[in-house]
Amino acid sequence: MQAAPVRATAIPSFTDALRAVESLLLSGGQRTARRNAWTSVLEDRRRAKDRVEAQQVLEQSFLAH
């Protein structure tokens, strides 16, 4: 008797699982709007980080003179 071949299937990541649930619950337009909103949040965070870094550079240069 031969053993059945073993098939390796990748376990989906948490992100993949969330996207699958999202696709079941939301229509295409809602899904797009949600992704656009998240992209905006990430961009706002990046800009805020850039502002903090610029402020620090200005403060350091002011203190150096």
N, C-alpha and C. Protein backbone atom coordinates (compact mmCIF):
# COMPACT_ATOMS: atom_id res chain seq x y z
N MET A 1 0.84 -1.17 0.00
CA MET A 1 0.00 0.00 0.00
C MET A 1 0.89 1.24 0.00
N GLN A 2 0.60 2.13 -0.91
CA GLN A 2 1.38 3.37 -1.00
C GLN A 2 0.66 4.49 -0.27
N ALA A 3 1.46 5.38 0.31
CA ALA A 3 0.90 6.53 1.01
C ALA A 3 0.44 7.55 -0.03
N ALA A 4 -0.61 8.23 0.29
CA ALA A 4 -1.12 9.27 -0.61
C ALA A 4 -0.11 10.42 -0.65
N PRO A 5 0.05 11.06 -1.80
CA PRO A 5 0.99 12.18 -1.89
C PRO A 5 0.54 13.32 -0.97
N VAL A 6 1.53 13.95 -0.38
CA VAL A 6 1.26 15.06 0.52
C VAL A 6 1.26 16.35 -0.29
N ARG A 7 0.22 17.13 -0.13
CA ARG A 7 0.13 18.42 -0.82
C ARG A 7 0.36 19.53 0.19
N ALA A 8 1.32 20.38 -0.11
CA ALA A 8 1.59 21.51 0.77
C ALA A 8 0.78 22.70 0.29
N THR A 9 -0.06 23.21 1.17
CA THR A 9 -0.81 24.42 0.84
C THR A 9 -0.40 25.50 1.81
N ALA A 10 -0.18 26.66 1.27
CA ALA A 10 0.25 27.78 2.11
C ALA A 10 -0.92 28.25 2.96
N ILE A 11 -0.64 28.53 4.20
CA ILE A 11 -1.65 29.08 5.09
C ILE A 11 -1.75 30.57 4.76
N PRO A 12 -2.97 31.05 4.52
CA PRO A 12 -3.09 32.47 4.16
C PRO A 12 -2.68 33.37 5.31
N SER A 13 -2.13 34.51 4.95
CA SER A 13 -1.74 35.46 5.98
C SER A 13 -2.99 36.10 6.58
N PHE A 14 -2.80 36.78 7.69
CA PHE A 14 -3.91 37.47 8.34
C PHE A 14 -4.52 38.50 7.39
N THR A 15 -3.65 39.20 6.66
CA THR A 15 -4.12 40.20 5.69
C THR A 15 -4.95 39.55 4.60
N ASP A 16 -4.49 38.41 4.10
CA ASP A 16 -5.25 37.70 3.07
C ASP A 16 -6.62 37.28 3.60
N ALA A 17 -6.65 36.81 4.84
CA ALA A 17 -7.91 36.40 5.44
C ALA A 17 -8.86 37.58 5.59
N LEU A 18 -8.33 38.73 6.03
CA LEU A 18 -9.18 39.92 6.16
C LEU A 18 -9.72 40.37 4.81
N ARG A 19 -8.90 40.31 3.80
CA ARG A 19 -9.36 40.70 2.46
C ARG A 19 -10.44 39.76 1.95
N ALA A 20 -10.32 38.48 2.26
CA ALA A 20 -11.34 37.52 1.85
C ALA A 20 -12.67 37.83 2.53
N VAL A 21 -12.63 38.11 3.82
CA VAL A 21 -13.84 38.46 4.55
C VAL A 21 -14.41 39.77 4.01
N GLU A 22 -13.53 40.73 3.78
CA GLU A 22 -13.95 42.02 3.24
C GLU A 22 -14.65 41.84 1.90
N SER A 23 -14.13 40.99 1.04
CA SER A 23 -14.73 40.81 -0.28
C SER A 23 -16.09 40.14 -0.18
N LEU A 24 -16.30 39.33 0.85
CA LEU A 24 -17.61 38.72 1.03
C LEU A 24 -18.63 39.72 1.57
N LEU A 25 -18.19 40.62 2.43
CA LEU A 25 -19.11 41.53 3.11
C LEU A 25 -19.39 42.83 2.36
N LEU A 26 -18.42 43.30 1.61
CA LEU A 26 -18.55 44.60 0.98
C LEU A 26 -18.66 44.49 -0.54
N SER A 27 -19.40 45.40 -1.13
CA SER A 27 -19.45 45.45 -2.58
C SER A 27 -18.14 46.06 -3.09
N GLY A 28 -17.92 46.01 -4.38
CA GLY A 28 -16.68 46.51 -4.96
C GLY A 28 -16.42 47.97 -4.66
N GLY A 29 -17.45 48.82 -4.77
CA GLY A 29 -17.27 50.24 -4.52
C GLY A 29 -16.91 50.53 -3.08
N GLN A 30 -17.55 49.82 -2.15
CA GLN A 30 -17.23 50.02 -0.74
C GLN A 30 -15.81 49.56 -0.45
N ARG A 31 -15.41 48.48 -1.07
CA ARG A 31 -14.06 47.96 -0.86
C ARG A 31 -13.03 48.98 -1.35
N THR A 32 -13.28 49.55 -2.51
CA THR A 32 -12.37 50.56 -3.05
C THR A 32 -12.31 51.78 -2.15
N ALA A 33 -13.46 52.23 -1.68
CA ALA A 33 -13.50 53.39 -0.79
C ALA A 33 -12.73 53.12 0.49
N ARG A 34 -12.88 51.92 1.02
CA ARG A 34 -12.18 51.56 2.26
C ARG A 34 -10.67 51.56 2.06
N ARG A 35 -10.23 50.99 0.95
CA ARG A 35 -8.79 50.96 0.66
C ARG A 35 -8.24 52.36 0.43
N ASN A 36 -9.02 53.20 -0.27
CA ASN A 36 -8.59 54.58 -0.48
C ASN A 36 -8.49 55.32 0.84
N ALA A 37 -9.44 55.09 1.73
CA ALA A 37 -9.40 55.74 3.04
C ALA A 37 -8.16 55.30 3.82
N TRP A 38 -7.85 54.02 3.78
CA TRP A 38 -6.68 53.52 4.51
C TRP A 38 -5.40 54.11 3.91
N THR A 39 -5.33 54.21 2.59
CA THR A 39 -4.18 54.82 1.94
C THR A 39 -4.02 56.26 2.39
N SER A 40 -5.13 56.98 2.53
CA SER A 40 -5.08 58.36 3.01
C SER A 40 -4.56 58.43 4.44
N VAL A 41 -4.99 57.50 5.28
CA VAL A 41 -4.51 57.47 6.67
C VAL A 41 -3.00 57.27 6.70
N LEU A 42 -2.52 56.33 5.91
CA LEU A 42 -1.07 56.06 5.88
C LEU A 42 -0.29 57.28 5.38
N GLU A 43 -0.84 57.95 4.36
CA GLU A 43 -0.17 59.14 3.82
C GLU A 43 -0.18 60.27 4.85
N ASP A 44 -1.27 60.44 5.58
CA ASP A 44 -1.32 61.46 6.64
C ASP A 44 -0.28 61.18 7.71
N ARG A 45 -0.14 59.92 8.08
CA ARG A 45 0.87 59.54 9.09
C ARG A 45 2.27 59.86 8.59
N ARG A 46 2.52 59.58 7.30
CA ARG A 46 3.84 59.85 6.74
C ARG A 46 4.14 61.35 6.75
N ARG A 47 3.14 62.15 6.37
CA ARG A 47 3.33 63.60 6.37
C ARG A 47 3.55 64.13 7.78
N ALA A 48 2.83 63.58 8.74
CA ALA A 48 3.01 64.01 10.14
C ALA A 48 4.42 63.68 10.61
N LYS A 49 4.92 62.52 10.25
CA LYS A 49 6.29 62.13 10.63
C LYS A 49 7.29 63.08 9.98
N ASP A 50 7.06 63.42 8.70
CA ASP A 50 7.95 64.35 8.00
C ASP A 50 7.95 65.73 8.67
N ARG A 51 6.76 66.18 9.12
CA ARG A 51 6.68 67.48 9.80
C ARG A 51 7.47 67.47 11.10
N VAL A 52 7.36 66.38 11.86
CA VAL A 52 8.10 66.27 13.13
C VAL A 52 9.60 66.31 12.86
N GLU A 53 10.04 65.57 11.85
CA GLU A 53 11.47 65.54 11.52
C GLU A 53 11.94 66.92 11.06
N ALA A 54 11.15 67.62 10.26
CA ALA A 54 11.53 68.96 9.79
C ALA A 54 11.61 69.93 10.97
N GLN A 55 10.65 69.82 11.88
CA GLN A 55 10.66 70.68 13.07
C GLN A 55 11.91 70.45 13.90
N GLN A 56 12.30 69.19 14.06
CA GLN A 56 13.50 68.86 14.82
C GLN A 56 14.75 69.44 14.17
N VAL A 57 14.82 69.35 12.85
CA VAL A 57 15.98 69.90 12.13
C VAL A 57 16.03 71.41 12.31
N LEU A 58 14.88 72.07 12.20
CA LEU A 58 14.85 73.52 12.39
C LEU A 58 15.26 73.91 13.80
N GLU A 59 14.77 73.19 14.77
CA GLU A 59 15.13 73.49 16.17
C GLU A 59 16.63 73.28 16.41
N GLN A 60 17.19 72.22 15.84
CA GLN A 60 18.62 71.96 16.02
C GLN A 60 19.46 73.03 15.35
N SER A 61 19.04 73.45 14.14
CA SER A 61 19.82 74.49 13.46
C SER A 61 19.69 75.84 14.17
N PHE A 62 18.54 76.11 14.75
CA PHE A 62 18.34 77.35 15.51
C PHE A 62 19.22 77.37 16.75
N LEU A 63 19.30 76.22 17.42
CA LEU A 63 20.12 76.13 18.64
C LEU A 63 21.61 76.18 18.32
N ALA A 64 21.99 75.75 17.13
CA ALA A 64 23.41 75.73 16.76
C ALA A 64 23.94 77.13 16.46
N HIS A 65 23.07 78.07 16.11
CA HIS A 65 23.53 79.42 15.77
C HIS A 65 23.43 80.36 16.91
